[in-house]
Protein backbone atom coordinates (compact mmCIF):
# COMPACT_ATOMS: atom_id res chain seq x y z
CA MET A 1 -0.28 -0.13 0.04
CA THR A 2 1.19 3.02 -0.82
CA THR A 3 0.83 6.36 1.29
CA LEU A 4 0.23 10.31 0.50
CA HIS A 5 -0.68 13.42 1.53
CA CYS A 6 -4.05 13.73 1.50
CA HIS A 7 -4.98 17.14 0.27
CA TYR A 8 -8.65 16.91 1.74
CA LEU A 9 -7.99 15.02 4.84
CA LYS A 10 -4.62 17.44 5.12
CA GLU A 11 -2.87 14.12 6.69
CA GLN A 12 -1.44 11.19 5.76
CA GLY A 13 -3.33 8.43 3.82
CA THR A 14 -3.94 5.89 1.95
CA GLN A 15 -3.52 6.13 -2.31
CA LEU A 16 -6.13 4.81 -4.16
CA SER A 17 -5.04 1.64 -6.48
CA SER A 18 -6.21 2.98 -9.79
CA PRO A 19 -7.75 6.72 -10.61
CA PRO A 20 -11.08 6.16 -9.90
CA TYR A 21 -12.70 8.86 -12.33
CA PRO A 22 -11.53 9.03 -16.19
CA GLY A 23 -9.32 12.13 -17.67
CA ILE A 24 -7.10 14.60 -15.57
CA VAL A 25 -10.38 14.99 -12.65
CA GLY A 26 -8.94 10.95 -12.42
CA ASP A 27 -5.70 11.55 -12.09
CA VAL A 28 -5.48 14.23 -10.13
CA ILE A 29 -7.39 12.32 -7.31
CA HIS A 30 -5.26 9.48 -7.42
CA HIS A 31 -2.44 11.68 -6.64
CA THR A 32 -4.24 13.90 -3.84
CA ILE A 33 -6.62 12.14 -2.52
CA CYS A 34 -6.98 9.07 0.08
CA GLN A 35 -9.11 6.20 0.43
CA ALA A 36 -10.78 7.50 3.61
CA ALA A 37 -11.24 10.72 1.82
CA TRP A 38 -13.03 9.09 -1.03
CA SER A 39 -14.84 7.27 0.75
CA ALA A 40 -16.63 10.01 2.39
CA TRP A 41 -17.21 11.66 -1.03
CA LEU A 42 -18.47 8.03 -1.96
CA ALA A 43 -21.19 9.01 0.94
CA TYR A 44 -22.01 12.74 0.05
CA GLN A 45 -21.97 11.91 -3.52
CA THR A 46 -24.60 9.34 -2.46
CA GLN A 47 -27.16 11.43 -0.23
CA LEU A 48 -26.97 14.46 -3.61
CA ILE A 49 -27.89 11.77 -6.16
CA ASN A 50 -30.54 11.05 -3.60
CA GLU A 51 -31.51 14.46 -2.44
CA ASN A 52 -31.15 16.38 -6.09
CA ARG A 53 -33.07 13.18 -7.96
CA LEU A 54 -30.06 13.35 -10.30
CA ASN A 55 -29.29 11.02 -12.58
CA PRO A 56 -26.08 9.24 -13.62
CA LEU A 57 -26.73 8.08 -16.59
CA GLU A 58 -28.04 11.07 -17.97
CA LYS A 59 -25.06 13.61 -19.43
CA ALA A 60 -25.94 16.86 -17.36
CA ASP A 61 -26.20 14.92 -14.26
CA ARG A 62 -23.16 13.43 -14.41
CA LEU A 63 -21.19 17.06 -15.08
CA THR A 64 -23.13 18.10 -11.64
CA LEU A 65 -21.84 15.25 -9.69
CA GLU A 66 -18.43 16.12 -11.30
CA LYS A 67 -18.21 20.00 -10.21
CA ALA A 68 -19.92 18.75 -7.46
CA MET A 69 -16.74 16.53 -6.53
CA ILE A 70 -13.89 18.99 -7.85
CA ASP A 71 -15.56 21.57 -4.90
CA PHE A 72 -15.57 18.89 -2.54
CA PHE A 73 -12.06 18.11 -2.56
CA ASP A 74 -11.76 21.79 -3.66
CA LEU A 75 -9.20 20.13 -6.42
CA GLN A 76 -9.62 22.79 -9.15
CA ALA A 77 -6.05 24.80 -8.81
CA LEU A 78 -4.78 21.30 -9.03
CA ILE A 79 -7.17 20.20 -11.96
CA ASP A 80 -5.89 23.90 -13.57
CA ALA A 81 -1.80 23.24 -12.93
CA ARG A 82 -1.92 20.13 -14.55
CA GLN A 83 -3.81 21.25 -17.41
CA THR A 84 -1.43 23.95 -18.19
CA ASP A 85 1.39 21.40 -17.71
């Protein structure tokens, strides 16, 4: 198991075994978010889906969830930096 400094929890944690999301967003999550933080997101994502009646099969709802995930982890600056590399 690899450990990393989790951007969300601000402490050491276990790195995810693979990117949990496609593209740059998934790569940033894989390298900066630990397993415990990802589990917290999954619980919150379930809450968002239920409360807002989101359908992950709908593109607009997937984009809503992606934005919520980026905001949840406060990753926008890291994603922007990765895109300019």
